[in-house]
Amino acid sequence: MPKFKKIETDRFVVEKTELHELHVIKQKPIIDHRGEFTRLYCQEQFLTAGLKKPIVQINKSKTLRAGSIRGMHLQSGTSAEDKIVSCVAGKVFDVAVDMRPGSQTYLCWFGVELSSENHTSLLIPAGFAHGFQSLEANSEIIYFVTHKYDNLAENGVHPFDPALGIKWPLACTDISEKDATRQFIDTCSNE
C-alpha cells in the first residue's frame, strides 16, 4: 500500500488513521438549491487507498433505538472482507478493531462518528472486527463489501471486552443475544 497521510480527489478526501491500513473517507458533496449529490464509492479513486478487491455485495441495516450496539463482527479465512461503511440516515459511532495477529496495531480500536450530515465513511480492511452504536433512533448504515456473507466464516469479539476497552459514547440500550454472549479475547485464547 502506498505511504500517505491524506489523498484528495475531486469527490473524496481519504485520510490514514493510526491503525495500519484503516482509512477515513470524507465525501465532497455537490450542493445546490435542490439539495445535494454525494458519491459513496469510486473504484478508481479507492484503489489509491488500498481497496484492491471488487465490491461484491452491498448491505443496509436500520437500528431503531439510540444506544443500540451491533458488533463486533468479522469474516475469517478466505471469506475475510474489506468494507466501506457509511451512515445514510441518523448518526452512529462506528468502530473497527484490528484482529490481525502480528499486525503492529493488533487489538487496537478506532472509532469515528458517521452521519448523514458529516459525509464520512470508514474503509475497513479484512481482518478487522467492525461494529457500531446508534447515536440516534432509526439510524441506517450501508456497507460495501468485497466478499459475500459466509455464515461458516462468521466470527467476532465481545463489544465490551476489557482487552479492547472500547469507549462507547452512550449506555447500551440494546444488543443481540449473539453479540452479548461472544467470548472475551482472553477466554478465546485459552481454548
C-alpha atoms as a PDB file:
ATOM      1  CA  MET A   1       0.000   0.000   0.000  1.00  0.00           C
ATOM      2  CA  PRO A   2       1.297   3.479  -0.793  1.00  0.00           C
ATOM      3  CA  LYS A   3       2.599   5.555   2.114  1.00  0.00           C
ATOM      4  CA  PHE A   4       0.394   8.606   2.587  1.00  0.00           C
ATOM      5  CA  LYS A   5      -1.374  10.622   5.244  1.00  0.00           C
ATOM      6  CA  LYS A   6      -4.083  12.130   3.044  1.00  0.00           C
ATOM      7  CA  ILE A   7      -5.195  11.857  -0.577  1.00  0.00           C
ATOM      8  CA  GLU A   8      -7.630  14.355  -2.030  1.00  0.00           C
ATOM      9  CA  THR A   9      -9.589  13.910  -5.254  1.00  0.00           C
ATOM     10  CA  ASP A  10     -12.489  15.799  -6.764  1.00  0.00           C
ATOM     11  CA  ARG A  11     -15.038  13.697  -4.782  1.00  0.00           C
ATOM     12  CA  PHE A  12     -13.163  12.374  -1.721  1.00  0.00           C
ATOM     13  CA  VAL A  13     -10.576  13.029   0.941  1.00  0.00           C
ATOM     14  CA  VAL A  14      -9.009   9.759   2.146  1.00  0.00           C
ATOM     15  CA  GLU A  15      -7.164  10.036   5.462  1.00  0.00           C
ATOM     16  CA  LYS A  16      -4.962   7.394   7.057  1.00  0.00           C
ATOM     17  CA  THR A  17      -5.748   6.572  10.700  1.00  0.00           C
ATOM     18  CA  GLU A  18      -3.308   5.456  13.376  1.00  0.00           C
ATOM     19  CA  LEU A  19      -4.381   1.838  12.740  1.00  0.00           C
ATOM     20  CA  HIS A  20      -2.482   0.107   9.946  1.00  0.00           C
ATOM     21  CA  GLU A  21      -4.491   0.146   6.666  1.00  0.00           C
ATOM     22  CA  LEU A  22      -7.661   1.674   8.218  1.00  0.00           C
ATOM     23  CA  HIS A  23      -8.877   4.858   6.492  1.00  0.00           C
ATOM     24  CA  VAL A  24     -11.482   7.553   6.999  1.00  0.00           C
ATOM     25  CA  ILE A  25     -13.141   8.724   3.789  1.00  0.00           C
ATOM     26  CA  LYS A  26     -14.806  12.119   3.582  1.00  0.00           C
ATOM     27  CA  GLN A  27     -17.113  12.646   0.641  1.00  0.00           C
ATOM     28  CA  LYS A  28     -17.318  16.010  -1.076  1.00  0.00           C
ATOM     29  CA  PRO A  29     -20.997  16.509  -1.883  1.00  0.00           C
ATOM     30  CA  ILE A  30     -22.200  18.754  -4.688  1.00  0.00           C
ATOM     31  CA  ILE A  31     -24.717  21.114  -3.120  1.00  0.00           C
ATOM     32  CA  ASP A  32     -27.151  23.453  -4.825  1.00  0.00           C
ATOM     33  CA  HIS A  33     -30.634  24.891  -4.246  1.00  0.00           C
ATOM     34  CA  ARG A  34     -32.243  21.450  -4.865  1.00  0.00           C
ATOM     35  CA  GLY A  35     -30.190  19.608  -2.248  1.00  0.00           C
ATOM     36  CA  GLU A  36     -27.066  17.544  -2.685  1.00  0.00           C
ATOM     37  CA  PHE A  37     -25.435  14.712  -4.614  1.00  0.00           C
ATOM     38  CA  THR A  38     -22.849  12.524  -2.894  1.00  0.00           C
ATOM     39  CA  ARG A  39     -20.714   9.754  -4.383  1.00  0.00           C
ATOM     40  CA  LEU A  40     -20.216   6.953  -1.828  1.00  0.00           C
ATOM     41  CA  TYR A  41     -17.877   4.772  -3.866  1.00  0.00           C
ATOM     42  CA  CYS A  42     -15.426   5.143  -6.758  1.00  0.00           C
ATOM     43  CA  GLN A  43     -13.327   2.103  -7.629  1.00  0.00           C
ATOM     44  CA  GLU A  44     -10.616   4.089  -9.384  1.00  0.00           C
ATOM     45  CA  GLN A  45     -10.144   6.563  -6.545  1.00  0.00           C
ATOM     46  CA  PHE A  46     -10.355   3.946  -3.778  1.00  0.00           C
ATOM     47  CA  LEU A  47      -7.617   1.846  -5.414  1.00  0.00           C
ATOM     48  CA  THR A  48      -5.237   4.566  -4.251  1.00  0.00           C
ATOM     49  CA  ALA A  49      -6.296   3.921  -0.635  1.00  0.00           C
ATOM     50  CA  GLY A  50      -5.622   0.194  -0.931  1.00  0.00           C
ATOM     51  CA  LEU A  51      -9.065  -1.224  -1.764  1.00  0.00           C
ATOM     52  CA  LYS A  52      -7.881  -3.655  -4.436  1.00  0.00           C
ATOM     53  CA  LYS A  53     -10.744  -6.186  -4.388  1.00  0.00           C
ATOM     54  CA  PRO A  54     -14.037  -5.540  -6.181  1.00  0.00           C
ATOM     55  CA  ILE A  55     -17.221  -4.766  -4.264  1.00  0.00           C
ATOM     56  CA  VAL A  56     -19.454  -7.867  -4.492  1.00  0.00           C
ATOM     57  CA  GLN A  57     -22.256  -7.121  -2.057  1.00  0.00           C
ATOM     58  CA  ILE A  58     -23.996  -4.034  -0.648  1.00  0.00           C
ATOM     59  CA  ASN A  59     -25.883  -4.344   2.649  1.00  0.00           C
ATOM     60  CA  LYS A  60     -28.018  -1.953   4.694  1.00  0.00           C
ATOM     61  CA  SER A  61     -29.049  -2.039   8.334  1.00  0.00           C
ATOM     62  CA  LYS A  62     -31.508   0.113  10.250  1.00  0.00           C
ATOM     63  CA  THR A  63     -31.207   0.438  14.028  1.00  0.00           C
ATOM     64  CA  LEU A  64     -34.362   1.582  15.760  1.00  0.00           C
ATOM     65  CA  ARG A  65     -33.093   2.742  19.171  1.00  0.00           C
ATOM     66  CA  ALA A  66     -30.339   5.147  20.160  1.00  0.00           C
ATOM     67  CA  GLY A  67     -27.746   3.347  22.297  1.00  0.00           C
ATOM     68  CA  SER A  68     -28.114   0.018  20.461  1.00  0.00           C
ATOM     69  CA  ILE A  69     -24.851  -1.754  19.666  1.00  0.00           C
ATOM     70  CA  ARG A  70     -24.230  -4.047  16.694  1.00  0.00           C
ATOM     71  CA  GLY A  71     -20.904  -5.851  16.638  1.00  0.00           C
ATOM     72  CA  MET A  72     -18.084  -6.616  16.778  1.00  0.00           C
ATOM     73  CA  HIS A  73     -18.239  -8.756  13.618  1.00  0.00           C
ATOM     74  CA  LEU A  74     -15.760 -10.069  11.069  1.00  0.00           C
ATOM     75  CA  GLN A  75     -15.434 -12.815   8.495  1.00  0.00           C
ATOM     76  CA  SER A  76     -12.402 -15.104   8.750  1.00  0.00           C
ATOM     77  CA  GLY A  77     -10.153 -17.052   6.389  1.00  0.00           C
ATOM     78  CA  THR A  78     -10.782 -16.886   2.669  1.00  0.00           C
ATOM     79  CA  SER A  79     -14.101 -15.117   3.346  1.00  0.00           C
ATOM     80  CA  ALA A  80     -12.399 -12.149   5.021  1.00  0.00           C
ATOM     81  CA  GLU A  81     -13.745  -8.931   3.552  1.00  0.00           C
ATOM     82  CA  ASP A  82     -12.778  -5.312   3.153  1.00  0.00           C
ATOM     83  CA  LYS A  83     -15.711  -2.994   3.733  1.00  0.00           C
ATOM     84  CA  ILE A  84     -16.706   0.613   3.336  1.00  0.00           C
ATOM     85  CA  VAL A  85     -19.266   1.715   5.935  1.00  0.00           C
ATOM     86  CA  SER A  86     -21.405   4.853   5.557  1.00  0.00           C
ATOM     87  CA  CYS A  87     -24.318   6.237   7.558  1.00  0.00           C
ATOM     88  CA  VAL A  88     -27.134   7.361   5.258  1.00  0.00           C
ATOM     89  CA  ALA A  89     -29.694   8.332   7.945  1.00  0.00           C
ATOM     90  CA  GLY A  90     -29.191   9.346  11.564  1.00  0.00           C
ATOM     91  CA  LYS A  91     -25.853   9.093  13.362  1.00  0.00           C
ATOM     92  CA  VAL A  92     -23.630   6.272  14.674  1.00  0.00           C
ATOM     93  CA  PHE A  93     -20.323   5.787  16.459  1.00  0.00           C
ATOM     94  CA  ASP A  94     -18.524   3.366  14.135  1.00  0.00           C
ATOM     95  CA  VAL A  95     -15.691   1.188  15.486  1.00  0.00           C
ATOM     96  CA  ALA A  96     -13.028  -1.004  13.875  1.00  0.00           C
ATOM     97  CA  VAL A  97     -10.680  -3.299  15.845  1.00  0.00           C
ATOM     98  CA  ASP A  98      -7.501  -4.736  14.334  1.00  0.00           C
ATOM     99  CA  MET A  99      -7.792  -8.520  14.888  1.00  0.00           C
ATOM    100  CA  ARG A 100      -4.831  -9.456  12.671  1.00  0.00           C
ATOM    101  CA  PRO A 101      -2.246 -11.356  14.762  1.00  0.00           C
ATOM    102  CA  GLY A 102       1.195  -9.969  14.005  1.00  0.00           C
ATOM    103  CA  SER A 103      -0.143  -6.561  12.979  1.00  0.00           C
ATOM    104  CA  GLN A 104       1.606  -3.586  14.544  1.00  0.00           C
ATOM    105  CA  THR A 105      -1.831  -2.373  15.746  1.00  0.00           C
ATOM    106  CA  TYR A 106      -3.249  -5.752  16.861  1.00  0.00           C
ATOM    107  CA  LEU A 107      -6.208  -5.341  19.286  1.00  0.00           C
ATOM    108  CA  CYS A 108      -6.205  -1.549  18.904  1.00  0.00           C
ATOM    109  CA  TRP A 109      -9.507   0.143  18.072  1.00  0.00           C
ATOM    110  CA  PHE A 110     -10.543   3.269  16.226  1.00  0.00           C
ATOM    111  CA  GLY A 111     -13.916   4.978  16.455  1.00  0.00           C
ATOM    112  CA  VAL A 112     -15.448   7.757  14.393  1.00  0.00           C
ATOM    113  CA  GLU A 113     -18.866   9.370  14.171  1.00  0.00           C
ATOM    114  CA  LEU A 114     -20.611   8.691  10.886  1.00  0.00           C
ATOM    115  CA  SER A 115     -23.757  10.594   9.996  1.00  0.00           C
ATOM    116  CA  SER A 116     -25.899  11.592   7.076  1.00  0.00           C
ATOM    117  CA  GLU A 117     -24.645  15.157   7.623  1.00  0.00           C
ATOM    118  CA  ASN A 118     -20.874  14.722   8.014  1.00  0.00           C
ATOM    119  CA  HIS A 119     -20.365  12.731   4.774  1.00  0.00           C
ATOM    120  CA  THR A 120     -17.810  10.425   6.382  1.00  0.00           C
ATOM    121  CA  SER A 121     -17.180   6.710   5.782  1.00  0.00           C
ATOM    122  CA  LEU A 122     -14.763   4.162   7.173  1.00  0.00           C
ATOM    123  CA  LEU A 123     -12.689   1.934   4.869  1.00  0.00           C
ATOM    124  CA  ILE A 124     -12.051  -1.209   6.936  1.00  0.00           C
ATOM    125  CA  PRO A 125      -9.552  -3.816   5.700  1.00  0.00           C
ATOM    126  CA  ALA A 126     -10.002  -7.577   6.049  1.00  0.00           C
ATOM    127  CA  GLY A 127      -9.038  -8.831   9.480  1.00  0.00           C
ATOM    128  CA  PHE A 128     -10.713  -6.004  11.378  1.00  0.00           C
ATOM    129  CA  ALA A 129     -13.786  -6.536  13.551  1.00  0.00           C
ATOM    130  CA  HIS A 130     -16.489  -3.949  12.941  1.00  0.00           C
ATOM    131  CA  GLY A 131     -19.372  -2.650  14.992  1.00  0.00           C
ATOM    132  CA  PHE A 132     -21.270   0.496  15.819  1.00  0.00           C
ATOM    133  CA  GLN A 133     -23.527   2.169  18.335  1.00  0.00           C
ATOM    134  CA  SER A 134     -26.560   4.084  17.127  1.00  0.00           C
ATOM    135  CA  LEU A 135     -26.461   7.639  18.462  1.00  0.00           C
ATOM    136  CA  GLU A 136     -29.917   8.458  17.103  1.00  0.00           C
ATOM    137  CA  ALA A 137     -33.091   6.434  16.621  1.00  0.00           C
ATOM    138  CA  ASN A 138     -33.666   4.988  13.146  1.00  0.00           C
ATOM    139  CA  SER A 139     -30.043   5.245  12.046  1.00  0.00           C
ATOM    140  CA  GLU A 140     -29.228   3.490   8.773  1.00  0.00           C
ATOM    141  CA  ILE A 141     -25.862   2.101   7.693  1.00  0.00           C
ATOM    142  CA  ILE A 142     -24.832   0.960   4.223  1.00  0.00           C
ATOM    143  CA  TYR A 143     -21.925  -1.483   3.789  1.00  0.00           C
ATOM    144  CA  PHE A 144     -19.982  -2.088   0.560  1.00  0.00           C
ATOM    145  CA  VAL A 145     -18.141  -5.410   0.977  1.00  0.00           C
ATOM    146  CA  THR A 146     -15.590  -7.354  -1.059  1.00  0.00           C
ATOM    147  CA  HIS A 147     -16.829 -10.857  -0.175  1.00  0.00           C
ATOM    148  CA  LYS A 148     -20.292 -12.332   0.065  1.00  0.00           C
ATOM    149  CA  TYR A 149     -21.529 -13.228   3.520  1.00  0.00           C
ATOM    150  CA  ASP A 150     -20.399 -16.700   4.646  1.00  0.00           C
ATOM    151  CA  ASN A 151     -22.071 -17.883   7.859  1.00  0.00           C
ATOM    152  CA  LEU A 152     -19.373 -20.567   8.307  1.00  0.00           C
ATOM    153  CA  ALA A 153     -16.698 -17.848   8.388  1.00  0.00           C
ATOM    154  CA  GLU A 154     -18.585 -15.564  10.773  1.00  0.00           C
ATOM    155  CA  ASN A 155     -16.517 -14.520  13.749  1.00  0.00           C
ATOM    156  CA  GLY A 156     -16.449 -11.719  16.266  1.00  0.00           C
ATOM    157  CA  VAL A 157     -15.383 -10.322  19.573  1.00  0.00           C
ATOM    158  CA  HIS A 158     -17.442  -9.103  22.531  1.00  0.00           C
ATOM    159  CA  PRO A 159     -18.117  -5.342  22.233  1.00  0.00           C
ATOM    160  CA  PHE A 160     -17.403  -4.883  25.963  1.00  0.00           C
ATOM    161  CA  ASP A 161     -14.236  -6.981  26.063  1.00  0.00           C
ATOM    162  CA  PRO A 162     -11.908  -5.303  28.598  1.00  0.00           C
ATOM    163  CA  ALA A 163      -8.902  -6.332  26.469  1.00  0.00           C
ATOM    164  CA  LEU A 164     -10.164  -3.870  23.844  1.00  0.00           C
ATOM    165  CA  GLY A 165     -11.502  -1.145  26.124  1.00  0.00           C
ATOM    166  CA  ILE A 166     -13.840   0.384  23.544  1.00  0.00           C
ATOM    167  CA  LYS A 167     -15.344   3.590  24.913  1.00  0.00           C
ATOM    168  CA  TRP A 168     -18.936   3.559  23.672  1.00  0.00           C
ATOM    169  CA  PRO A 169     -20.426   7.081  23.886  1.00  0.00           C
ATOM    170  CA  LEU A 170     -23.854   6.038  25.258  1.00  0.00           C
ATOM    171  CA  ALA A 171     -25.119   3.448  27.705  1.00  0.00           C
ATOM    172  CA  CYS A 172     -26.075   0.305  25.780  1.00  0.00           C
ATOM    173  CA  THR A 173     -29.858   0.113  25.309  1.00  0.00           C
ATOM    174  CA  ASP A 174     -29.994  -2.993  23.117  1.00  0.00           C
ATOM    175  CA  ILE A 175     -27.694  -5.721  21.792  1.00  0.00           C
ATOM    176  CA  SER A 176     -28.334  -9.055  20.087  1.00  0.00           C
ATOM    177  CA  GLU A 177     -28.016 -12.245  22.107  1.00  0.00           C
ATOM    178  CA  LYS A 178     -25.252 -13.422  19.763  1.00  0.00           C
ATOM    179  CA  ASP A 179     -23.176 -10.272  20.335  1.00  0.00           C
ATOM    180  CA  ALA A 180     -23.840 -10.217  24.099  1.00  0.00           C
ATOM    181  CA  THR A 181     -22.664 -13.824  24.504  1.00  0.00           C
ATOM    182  CA  ARG A 182     -19.470 -13.656  22.430  1.00  0.00           C
ATOM    183  CA  GLN A 183     -16.410 -14.769  24.343  1.00  0.00           C
ATOM    184  CA  PHE A 184     -13.768 -12.383  25.579  1.00  0.00           C
ATOM    185  CA  ILE A 185     -10.374 -12.481  23.881  1.00  0.00           C
ATOM    186  CA  ASP A 186      -8.519 -13.958  26.872  1.00  0.00           C
ATOM    187  CA  THR A 187     -11.174 -16.724  27.076  1.00  0.00           C
ATOM    188  CA  CYS A 188     -10.793 -17.489  23.373  1.00  0.00           C
ATOM    189  CA  SER A 189      -7.020 -17.768  23.610  1.00  0.00           C
ATOM    190  CA  ASN A 190      -7.284 -20.446  26.321  1.00  0.00           C
ATOM    191  CA  GLU A 191      -9.209 -22.894  24.116  1.00  0.00           C
END
